[in-house]
Amino acid sequence: MLNKMLFIMVILSSFLVSKDLSLERFSGLEIGYEKVEAKNVIGSTESNIGVELGLRTGVQNYDWRTSISGHFFKKDEQEYIKAILSFDKFVGVGIYESEDTIMKPYIGLNSGWLNYKNTGKKVDGLIYGVEIGIVWALSDGADIDLGYKFSSSEVGRVDNINTFSLAINYIF
């Protein structure tokens, strides 16, 4: 119960920060190549590799980005839906900036809720992890985000989730 309340408080506080007019708001679509490692019935680790689809929205400025995203994965008998809150810090931004190109490398933390189903059994709980990537500004109104996320969990038999993702964000 405490974990759910803490998660809701973090989401609400990130929305309050988004009222700042100096922040850019964005929404986007995400596709990922994912490896889900989970323990099977006899306790050995089993991996499933597949495609994850997601939607995201958030706010960003020159130094920071906060986003909320929802993801869906289904492969064989494994299926999940997860909601993730990410906090990213852009690093070395000035190094990759010119008149024509803006590239912003980032590192970050994520936390969220995972609803996992395998062989008809459903479990849910917290998921948390780290992420790294690079955002490439296509124009003033769009960018591409190429990233890697490692998420760990104690949900059911899920050990961890590795995701390489590509997202296209519309900035408004």
N, C-alpha and C. Protein backbone atom coordinates (compact mmCIF):
# COMPACT_ATOMS: atom_id res chain seq x y z
N MET A 1 0.82 -1.19 0.00
CA MET A 1 0.00 0.00 0.00
C MET A 1 0.87 1.26 0.00
N LEU A 2 1.93 1.25 0.81
CA LEU A 2 2.83 2.39 0.89
C LEU A 2 3.50 2.63 -0.46
N ASN A 3 3.88 1.55 -1.16
CA ASN A 3 4.51 1.69 -2.47
C ASN A 3 3.57 2.35 -3.47
N LYS A 4 2.31 1.99 -3.46
CA LYS A 4 1.34 2.59 -4.38
C LYS A 4 1.15 4.07 -4.08
N MET A 5 1.10 4.43 -2.80
CA MET A 5 0.93 5.83 -2.43
C MET A 5 2.15 6.65 -2.84
N LEU A 6 3.35 6.12 -2.64
CA LEU A 6 4.57 6.81 -3.03
C LEU A 6 4.62 7.01 -4.54
N PHE A 7 4.24 6.00 -5.30
CA PHE A 7 4.23 6.08 -6.76
C PHE A 7 3.25 7.16 -7.22
N ILE A 8 2.07 7.22 -6.64
CA ILE A 8 1.07 8.23 -7.01
C ILE A 8 1.58 9.63 -6.66
N MET A 9 2.24 9.79 -5.50
CA MET A 9 2.77 11.09 -5.12
C MET A 9 3.83 11.57 -6.09
N VAL A 10 4.69 10.68 -6.56
CA VAL A 10 5.74 11.05 -7.52
C VAL A 10 5.12 11.49 -8.84
N ILE A 11 4.10 10.78 -9.30
CA ILE A 11 3.43 11.14 -10.56
C ILE A 11 2.76 12.51 -10.43
N LEU A 12 2.05 12.74 -9.34
CA LEU A 12 1.39 14.03 -9.16
C LEU A 12 2.39 15.18 -9.07
N SER A 13 3.50 14.97 -8.39
CA SER A 13 4.50 16.04 -8.29
C SER A 13 5.13 16.33 -9.64
N SER A 14 5.30 15.33 -10.49
CA SER A 14 5.87 15.59 -11.82
C SER A 14 4.89 16.39 -12.67
N PHE A 15 3.58 16.19 -12.50
CA PHE A 15 2.60 16.99 -13.22
C PHE A 15 2.60 18.44 -12.74
N LEU A 16 2.82 18.66 -11.45
CA LEU A 16 2.89 20.03 -10.94
C LEU A 16 4.09 20.78 -11.52
N VAL A 17 5.21 20.09 -11.66
CA VAL A 17 6.39 20.69 -12.25
C VAL A 17 6.14 21.05 -13.72
N SER A 18 5.30 20.28 -14.40
CA SER A 18 5.05 20.51 -15.82
C SER A 18 4.29 21.80 -16.08
N LYS A 19 3.76 22.46 -15.06
CA LYS A 19 3.06 23.73 -15.24
C LYS A 19 4.04 24.87 -15.55
N ASP A 20 5.33 24.65 -15.32
CA ASP A 20 6.35 25.64 -15.63
C ASP A 20 6.35 25.89 -17.14
N LEU A 21 6.20 27.15 -17.55
CA LEU A 21 6.08 27.49 -18.97
C LEU A 21 7.39 27.33 -19.73
N SER A 22 8.54 27.25 -19.07
CA SER A 22 9.81 27.09 -19.77
C SER A 22 10.06 25.66 -20.21
N LEU A 23 9.20 24.75 -19.85
CA LEU A 23 9.36 23.35 -20.21
C LEU A 23 8.65 23.03 -21.53
N GLU A 24 9.27 22.17 -22.33
CA GLU A 24 8.63 21.66 -23.54
C GLU A 24 7.85 20.41 -23.18
N ARG A 25 6.67 20.30 -23.71
CA ARG A 25 5.87 19.10 -23.51
C ARG A 25 6.04 18.23 -24.75
N PHE A 26 5.99 16.90 -24.56
CA PHE A 26 6.11 16.00 -25.71
C PHE A 26 5.24 14.78 -25.52
N SER A 27 4.88 14.17 -26.63
CA SER A 27 4.17 12.89 -26.66
C SER A 27 4.78 12.08 -27.79
N GLY A 28 4.78 10.77 -27.64
CA GLY A 28 5.41 9.96 -28.67
C GLY A 28 5.00 8.51 -28.67
N LEU A 29 5.48 7.83 -29.70
CA LEU A 29 5.29 6.39 -29.88
C LEU A 29 6.64 5.71 -29.72
N GLU A 30 6.60 4.52 -29.13
CA GLU A 30 7.84 3.81 -28.86
C GLU A 30 7.71 2.36 -29.31
N ILE A 31 8.78 1.84 -29.90
CA ILE A 31 8.84 0.42 -30.23
C ILE A 31 10.16 -0.09 -29.67
N GLY A 32 10.13 -1.28 -29.08
CA GLY A 32 11.33 -1.80 -28.45
C GLY A 32 11.56 -3.26 -28.75
N TYR A 33 12.82 -3.63 -28.73
CA TYR A 33 13.25 -5.03 -28.84
C TYR A 33 13.58 -5.46 -27.43
N GLU A 34 12.88 -6.46 -26.93
CA GLU A 34 12.90 -6.72 -25.50
C GLU A 34 13.22 -8.16 -25.16
N LYS A 35 13.93 -8.32 -24.05
CA LYS A 35 14.23 -9.64 -23.51
C LYS A 35 13.70 -9.69 -22.08
N VAL A 36 12.73 -10.57 -21.84
CA VAL A 36 12.15 -10.74 -20.51
C VAL A 36 12.71 -12.03 -19.92
N GLU A 37 13.35 -11.92 -18.77
CA GLU A 37 13.89 -13.09 -18.08
C GLU A 37 13.03 -13.38 -16.87
N ALA A 38 12.50 -14.59 -16.83
CA ALA A 38 11.62 -14.99 -15.73
C ALA A 38 11.91 -16.44 -15.36
N LYS A 39 11.58 -16.77 -14.13
CA LYS A 39 11.74 -18.16 -13.69
C LYS A 39 10.51 -18.97 -14.11
N ASN A 40 10.76 -20.17 -14.61
CA ASN A 40 9.63 -21.03 -14.99
C ASN A 40 9.15 -21.81 -13.77
N VAL A 41 8.27 -22.76 -13.99
CA VAL A 41 7.64 -23.51 -12.90
C VAL A 41 8.65 -24.26 -12.05
N ILE A 42 9.71 -24.77 -12.66
CA ILE A 42 10.70 -25.53 -11.89
C ILE A 42 11.82 -24.66 -11.34
N GLY A 43 11.78 -23.35 -11.59
CA GLY A 43 12.73 -22.43 -10.99
C GLY A 43 13.92 -22.05 -11.85
N SER A 44 14.04 -22.59 -13.06
CA SER A 44 15.15 -22.18 -13.92
C SER A 44 14.75 -20.94 -14.73
N THR A 45 15.75 -20.14 -15.09
CA THR A 45 15.48 -18.90 -15.80
C THR A 45 15.16 -19.17 -17.26
N GLU A 46 14.12 -18.54 -17.72
CA GLU A 46 13.64 -18.67 -19.10
C GLU A 46 13.57 -17.28 -19.71
N SER A 47 14.05 -17.13 -20.95
CA SER A 47 14.04 -15.83 -21.61
C SER A 47 13.10 -15.84 -22.79
N ASN A 48 12.38 -14.75 -22.96
CA ASN A 48 11.55 -14.53 -24.13
C ASN A 48 11.97 -13.22 -24.77
N ILE A 49 12.16 -13.24 -26.07
CA ILE A 49 12.55 -12.05 -26.81
C ILE A 49 11.43 -11.69 -27.76
N GLY A 50 11.07 -10.41 -27.80
CA GLY A 50 9.98 -9.99 -28.67
C GLY A 50 9.92 -8.48 -28.80
N VAL A 51 8.81 -8.01 -29.33
CA VAL A 51 8.61 -6.59 -29.58
C VAL A 51 7.68 -6.01 -28.52
N GLU A 52 8.08 -4.85 -28.00
CA GLU A 52 7.29 -4.11 -27.03
C GLU A 52 6.79 -2.84 -27.72
N LEU A 53 5.53 -2.48 -27.49
CA LEU A 53 4.96 -1.25 -28.02
C LEU A 53 4.61 -0.33 -26.87
N GLY A 54 4.76 0.99 -27.09
CA GLY A 54 4.48 1.91 -26.00
C GLY A 54 4.06 3.29 -26.46
N LEU A 55 3.45 4.00 -25.53
CA LEU A 55 3.08 5.41 -25.69
C LEU A 55 3.73 6.17 -24.55
N ARG A 56 4.14 7.43 -24.82
CA ARG A 56 4.79 8.22 -23.78
C ARG A 56 4.36 9.67 -23.87
N THR A 57 4.46 10.34 -22.73
CA THR A 57 4.23 11.77 -22.68
C THR A 57 5.08 12.32 -21.54
N GLY A 58 5.45 13.60 -21.65
CA GLY A 58 6.27 14.16 -20.60
C GLY A 58 6.64 15.60 -20.85
N VAL A 59 7.60 16.07 -20.07
CA VAL A 59 8.12 17.43 -20.18
C VAL A 59 9.64 17.37 -20.14
N GLN A 60 10.26 18.39 -20.78
CA GLN A 60 11.72 18.45 -20.78
C GLN A 60 12.19 19.89 -20.89
N ASN A 61 13.41 20.12 -20.45
CA ASN A 61 14.09 21.38 -20.69
C ASN A 61 15.48 21.04 -21.20
N TYR A 62 16.39 21.98 -21.15
CA TYR A 62 17.73 21.76 -21.69
C TYR A 62 18.50 20.70 -20.90
N ASP A 63 18.21 20.55 -19.61
CA ASP A 63 18.99 19.67 -18.74
C ASP A 63 18.29 18.39 -18.32
N TRP A 64 16.96 18.41 -18.18
CA TRP A 64 16.22 17.29 -17.59
C TRP A 64 15.03 16.89 -18.45
N ARG A 65 14.57 15.66 -18.24
CA ARG A 65 13.35 15.18 -18.88
C ARG A 65 12.63 14.25 -17.90
N THR A 66 11.33 14.41 -17.80
CA THR A 66 10.48 13.53 -17.02
C THR A 66 9.39 12.99 -17.94
N SER A 67 9.16 11.70 -17.90
CA SER A 67 8.14 11.14 -18.79
C SER A 67 7.37 10.02 -18.11
N ILE A 68 6.16 9.84 -18.58
CA ILE A 68 5.31 8.72 -18.17
C ILE A 68 5.01 7.92 -19.42
N SER A 69 5.17 6.61 -19.34
CA SER A 69 4.94 5.79 -20.52
C SER A 69 4.20 4.51 -20.15
N GLY A 70 3.46 4.00 -21.11
CA GLY A 70 2.77 2.73 -20.96
C GLY A 70 3.28 1.78 -22.03
N HIS A 71 3.51 0.51 -21.66
CA HIS A 71 4.11 -0.46 -22.57
C HIS A 71 3.31 -1.77 -22.57
N PHE A 72 3.34 -2.44 -23.71
CA PHE A 72 2.66 -3.73 -23.84
C PHE A 72 3.60 -4.71 -24.51
N PHE A 73 3.67 -5.94 -23.97
CA PHE A 73 4.51 -7.00 -24.52
C PHE A 73 3.74 -8.31 -24.47
N LYS A 74 3.81 -9.09 -25.56
CA LYS A 74 3.20 -10.42 -25.57
C LYS A 74 4.05 -11.33 -26.43
N LYS A 75 4.45 -12.44 -25.85
CA LYS A 75 5.24 -13.44 -26.57
C LYS A 75 4.92 -14.80 -25.96
N ASP A 76 4.43 -15.70 -26.78
CA ASP A 76 4.01 -17.03 -26.33
C ASP A 76 3.00 -16.88 -25.20
N GLU A 77 3.32 -17.41 -24.01
CA GLU A 77 2.38 -17.32 -22.90
C GLU A 77 2.70 -16.17 -21.95
N GLN A 78 3.79 -15.43 -22.21
CA GLN A 78 4.13 -14.26 -21.39
C GLN A 78 3.46 -13.03 -21.96
N GLU A 79 2.90 -12.23 -21.07
CA GLU A 79 2.24 -10.98 -21.47
C GLU A 79 2.34 -10.02 -20.30
N TYR A 80 2.58 -8.75 -20.62
CA TYR A 80 2.55 -7.77 -19.55
C TYR A 80 2.13 -6.41 -20.07
N ILE A 81 1.68 -5.62 -19.12
CA ILE A 81 1.42 -4.19 -19.33
C ILE A 81 2.17 -3.49 -18.20
N LYS A 82 2.95 -2.46 -18.57
CA LYS A 82 3.67 -1.74 -17.52
C LYS A 82 3.51 -0.24 -17.72
N ALA A 83 3.48 0.48 -16.61
CA ALA A 83 3.44 1.94 -16.60
C ALA A 83 4.73 2.39 -15.92
N ILE A 84 5.48 3.26 -16.61
CA ILE A 84 6.81 3.66 -16.13
C ILE A 84 6.90 5.18 -16.00
N LEU A 85 7.48 5.63 -14.92
CA LEU A 85 7.82 7.02 -14.71
C LEU A 85 9.34 7.12 -14.79
N SER A 86 9.85 7.96 -15.73
CA SER A 86 11.29 8.07 -15.95
C SER A 86 11.78 9.48 -15.65
N PHE A 87 12.95 9.57 -15.03
CA PHE A 87 13.65 10.83 -14.78
C PHE A 87 15.01 10.72 -15.46
N ASP A 88 15.26 11.58 -16.45
CA ASP A 88 16.50 11.53 -17.22
C ASP A 88 17.27 12.84 -17.08
N LYS A 89 18.58 12.73 -17.02
CA LYS A 89 19.48 13.89 -17.00
C LYS A 89 20.26 13.89 -18.30
N PHE A 90 20.14 15.00 -19.05
CA PHE A 90 20.92 15.14 -20.27
C PHE A 90 22.36 15.46 -19.89
N VAL A 91 23.32 14.77 -20.49
CA VAL A 91 24.74 14.96 -20.16
C VAL A 91 25.51 15.31 -21.43
N GLY A 92 26.45 16.22 -21.32
CA GLY A 92 27.28 16.59 -22.46
C GLY A 92 26.53 17.18 -23.63
N VAL A 93 25.47 17.93 -23.37
CA VAL A 93 24.61 18.44 -24.44
C VAL A 93 25.37 19.38 -25.36
N GLY A 94 26.17 20.30 -24.84
CA GLY A 94 26.89 21.27 -25.66
C GLY A 94 27.89 20.64 -26.61
N ILE A 95 28.39 19.47 -26.28
CA ILE A 95 29.39 18.80 -27.11
C ILE A 95 28.78 18.39 -28.45
N TYR A 96 27.51 18.00 -28.46
CA TYR A 96 26.87 17.46 -29.65
C TYR A 96 25.90 18.45 -30.28
N GLU A 97 26.12 19.73 -30.09
CA GLU A 97 25.18 20.72 -30.59
C GLU A 97 25.86 21.60 -31.65
N SER A 98 25.20 21.76 -32.79
CA SER A 98 25.65 22.67 -33.84
C SER A 98 24.42 23.40 -34.37
N GLU A 99 24.59 24.18 -35.43
CA GLU A 99 23.45 24.89 -35.99
C GLU A 99 22.41 23.94 -36.57
N ASP A 100 22.87 22.84 -37.13
CA ASP A 100 21.97 21.90 -37.81
C ASP A 100 21.54 20.72 -36.95
N THR A 101 22.34 20.37 -35.97
CA THR A 101 22.10 19.14 -35.22
C THR A 101 22.16 19.39 -33.72
N ILE A 102 21.20 18.81 -33.02
CA ILE A 102 21.24 18.79 -31.56
C ILE A 102 21.07 17.34 -31.13
N MET A 103 22.09 16.81 -30.48
CA MET A 103 22.04 15.45 -29.93
C MET A 103 22.26 15.56 -28.43
N LYS A 104 21.36 14.92 -27.67
CA LYS A 104 21.43 15.02 -26.21
C LYS A 104 21.51 13.62 -25.61
N PRO A 105 22.73 13.18 -25.21
CA PRO A 105 22.84 11.91 -24.48
C PRO A 105 22.21 12.05 -23.10
N TYR A 106 21.69 10.95 -22.57
CA TYR A 106 21.07 11.01 -21.24
C TYR A 106 21.32 9.73 -20.45
N ILE A 107 21.23 9.88 -19.14
CA ILE A 107 21.20 8.75 -18.21
C ILE A 107 20.00 9.00 -17.31
N GLY A 108 19.41 7.92 -16.80
CA GLY A 108 18.23 8.14 -15.98
C GLY A 108 17.84 6.95 -15.13
N LEU A 109 16.79 7.19 -14.36
CA LEU A 109 16.19 6.18 -13.49
C LEU A 109 14.73 6.03 -13.86
N ASN A 110 14.20 4.84 -13.68
CA ASN A 110 12.77 4.63 -13.93
C ASN A 110 12.18 3.76 -12.84
N SER A 111 10.89 3.93 -12.65
CA SER A 111 10.15 3.17 -11.67
C SER A 111 8.71 3.07 -12.17
N GLY A 112 8.04 2.02 -11.81
CA GLY A 112 6.66 1.91 -12.27
C GLY A 112 5.95 0.67 -11.75
N TRP A 113 4.88 0.34 -12.47
CA TRP A 113 4.00 -0.75 -12.09
C TRP A 113 3.95 -1.77 -13.21
N LEU A 114 4.09 -3.03 -12.90
CA LEU A 114 4.08 -4.11 -13.89
C LEU A 114 2.94 -5.07 -13.58
N ASN A 115 2.11 -5.32 -14.58
CA ASN A 115 1.05 -6.33 -14.50
C ASN A 115 1.47 -7.45 -15.43
N TYR A 116 1.88 -8.58 -14.88
CA TYR A 116 2.49 -9.68 -15.62
C TYR A 116 1.59 -10.92 -15.61
N LYS A 117 1.48 -11.56 -16.77
CA LYS A 117 0.67 -12.76 -16.89
C LYS A 117 1.47 -13.83 -17.61
N ASN A 118 1.50 -15.02 -17.04
CA ASN A 118 2.19 -16.16 -17.66
C ASN A 118 1.42 -17.42 -17.34
N THR A 119 1.11 -18.18 -18.34
CA THR A 119 0.32 -19.41 -18.23
C THR A 119 -0.95 -19.21 -17.41
N GLY A 120 -1.63 -18.10 -17.67
CA GLY A 120 -2.92 -17.83 -17.03
C GLY A 120 -2.86 -17.21 -15.65
N LYS A 121 -1.68 -17.14 -15.04
CA LYS A 121 -1.56 -16.54 -13.71
C LYS A 121 -1.15 -15.09 -13.84
N LYS A 122 -1.87 -14.20 -13.13
CA LYS A 122 -1.57 -12.77 -13.15
C LYS A 122 -0.99 -12.34 -11.82
N VAL A 123 0.07 -11.52 -11.89
CA VAL A 123 0.67 -10.90 -10.72
C VAL A 123 1.03 -9.47 -11.09
N ASP A 124 1.16 -8.61 -10.08
CA ASP A 124 1.57 -7.25 -10.36
C ASP A 124 2.39 -6.71 -9.20
N GLY A 125 3.12 -5.63 -9.48
CA GLY A 125 3.96 -5.02 -8.46
C GLY A 125 4.91 -4.00 -9.05
N LEU A 126 5.85 -3.56 -8.24
CA LEU A 126 6.79 -2.52 -8.65
C LEU A 126 7.89 -3.04 -9.56
N ILE A 127 8.32 -2.15 -10.45
CA ILE A 127 9.45 -2.41 -11.33
C ILE A 127 10.32 -1.16 -11.28
N TYR A 128 11.63 -1.31 -11.35
CA TYR A 128 12.53 -0.18 -11.24
C TYR A 128 13.79 -0.47 -12.03
N GLY A 129 14.49 0.59 -12.45
CA GLY A 129 15.68 0.35 -13.23
C GLY A 129 16.42 1.61 -13.64
N VAL A 130 17.35 1.42 -14.57
CA VAL A 130 18.18 2.49 -15.10
C VAL A 130 18.02 2.54 -16.61
N GLU A 131 18.37 3.69 -17.19
CA GLU A 131 18.29 3.84 -18.64
C GLU A 131 19.39 4.76 -19.14
N ILE A 132 19.73 4.57 -20.40
CA ILE A 132 20.76 5.37 -21.05
C ILE A 132 20.36 5.49 -22.52
N GLY A 133 20.69 6.62 -23.12
CA GLY A 133 20.34 6.77 -24.52
C GLY A 133 20.76 8.11 -25.08
N ILE A 134 20.21 8.41 -26.26
CA ILE A 134 20.51 9.66 -26.93
C ILE A 134 19.26 10.16 -27.65
N VAL A 135 19.01 11.46 -27.53
CA VAL A 135 17.88 12.11 -28.20
C VAL A 135 18.47 12.95 -29.33
N TRP A 136 17.91 12.79 -30.52
CA TRP A 136 18.37 13.54 -31.68
C TRP A 136 17.21 14.41 -32.15
N ALA A 137 17.39 15.73 -32.11
CA ALA A 137 16.34 16.66 -32.52
C ALA A 137 16.28 16.71 -34.04
N LEU A 138 15.13 16.33 -34.60
CA LEU A 138 14.92 16.39 -36.04
C LEU A 138 14.56 17.81 -36.48
N SER A 139 13.77 18.47 -35.66
CA SER A 139 13.32 19.84 -35.92
C SER A 139 12.89 20.44 -34.58
N ASP A 140 12.29 21.64 -34.63
CA ASP A 140 11.79 22.23 -33.39
C ASP A 140 10.60 21.46 -32.82
N GLY A 141 9.93 20.67 -33.65
CA GLY A 141 8.72 19.99 -33.22
C GLY A 141 8.80 18.48 -33.13
N ALA A 142 9.98 17.88 -33.38
CA ALA A 142 10.08 16.42 -33.34
C ALA A 142 11.50 15.98 -33.00
N ASP A 143 11.60 14.86 -32.30
CA ASP A 143 12.90 14.26 -32.05
C ASP A 143 12.79 12.74 -32.02
N ILE A 144 13.94 12.11 -32.15
CA ILE A 144 14.04 10.65 -32.10
C ILE A 144 14.84 10.29 -30.85
N ASP A 145 14.39 9.28 -30.14
CA ASP A 145 15.04 8.84 -28.91
C ASP A 145 15.44 7.38 -29.09
N LEU A 146 16.74 7.10 -29.00
CA LEU A 146 17.26 5.75 -29.07
C LEU A 146 17.82 5.42 -27.70
N GLY A 147 17.29 4.37 -27.05
CA GLY A 147 17.70 4.12 -25.68
C GLY A 147 17.74 2.65 -25.29
N TYR A 148 18.33 2.41 -24.12
CA TYR A 148 18.40 1.09 -23.50
C TYR A 148 17.90 1.22 -22.06
N LYS A 149 17.02 0.30 -21.66
CA LYS A 149 16.51 0.27 -20.28
C LYS A 149 16.78 -1.11 -19.68
N PHE A 150 17.27 -1.11 -18.46
CA PHE A 150 17.36 -2.33 -17.69
C PHE A 150 16.44 -2.16 -16.49
N SER A 151 15.46 -3.03 -16.39
CA SER A 151 14.50 -2.95 -15.29
C SER A 151 14.53 -4.24 -14.51
N SER A 152 14.46 -4.12 -13.21
CA SER A 152 14.45 -5.26 -12.31
C SER A 152 13.12 -5.30 -11.58
N SER A 153 12.74 -6.51 -11.16
CA SER A 153 11.42 -6.65 -10.54
C SER A 153 11.39 -7.84 -9.61
N GLU A 154 10.49 -7.77 -8.68
CA GLU A 154 10.19 -8.89 -7.80
C GLU A 154 8.77 -9.39 -8.08
N VAL A 155 8.23 -9.01 -9.23
CA VAL A 155 6.86 -9.36 -9.60
C VAL A 155 6.82 -10.81 -10.06
N GLY A 156 6.09 -11.62 -9.33
CA GLY A 156 5.96 -13.02 -9.72
C GLY A 156 7.31 -13.66 -9.93
N ARG A 157 7.50 -14.20 -11.11
CA ARG A 157 8.76 -14.85 -11.43
C ARG A 157 9.66 -13.97 -12.30
N VAL A 158 9.27 -12.75 -12.59
CA VAL A 158 10.05 -11.86 -13.46
C VAL A 158 11.32 -11.42 -12.73
N ASP A 159 12.48 -11.70 -13.33
CA ASP A 159 13.75 -11.25 -12.76
C ASP A 159 14.12 -9.87 -13.28
N ASN A 160 14.23 -9.76 -14.61
CA ASN A 160 14.57 -8.46 -15.19
C ASN A 160 14.08 -8.38 -16.63
N ILE A 161 14.07 -7.13 -17.12
CA ILE A 161 13.63 -6.84 -18.48
C ILE A 161 14.67 -5.92 -19.11
N ASN A 162 15.21 -6.32 -20.26
CA ASN A 162 16.17 -5.53 -21.02
C ASN A 162 15.48 -5.04 -22.28
N THR A 163 15.54 -3.72 -22.54
CA THR A 163 14.83 -3.16 -23.69
C THR A 163 15.72 -2.20 -24.46
N PHE A 164 15.84 -2.43 -25.77
CA PHE A 164 16.41 -1.46 -26.70
C PHE A 164 15.22 -0.84 -27.40
N SER A 165 15.10 0.50 -27.34
CA SER A 165 13.89 1.14 -27.88
C SER A 165 14.22 2.29 -28.81
N LEU A 166 13.26 2.55 -29.69
CA LEU A 166 13.29 3.68 -30.60
C LEU A 166 11.96 4.39 -30.45
N ALA A 167 12.01 5.69 -30.18
CA ALA A 167 10.79 6.47 -30.00
C ALA A 167 10.84 7.72 -30.88
N ILE A 168 9.67 8.11 -31.36
CA ILE A 168 9.52 9.35 -32.09
C ILE A 168 8.60 10.22 -31.26
N ASN A 169 9.09 11.42 -30.90
CA ASN A 169 8.35 12.32 -30.02
C ASN A 169 7.94 13.58 -30.77
N TYR A 170 6.72 13.98 -30.55
CA TYR A 170 6.19 15.25 -31.07
C TYR A 170 6.28 16.26 -29.93
N ILE A 171 6.94 17.39 -30.16
CA ILE A 171 7.15 18.40 -29.13
C ILE A 171 6.16 19.54 -29.37
N PHE A 172 5.45 19.92 -28.31
CA PHE A 172 4.48 21.02 -28.45
C PHE A 172 4.58 22.00 -27.30
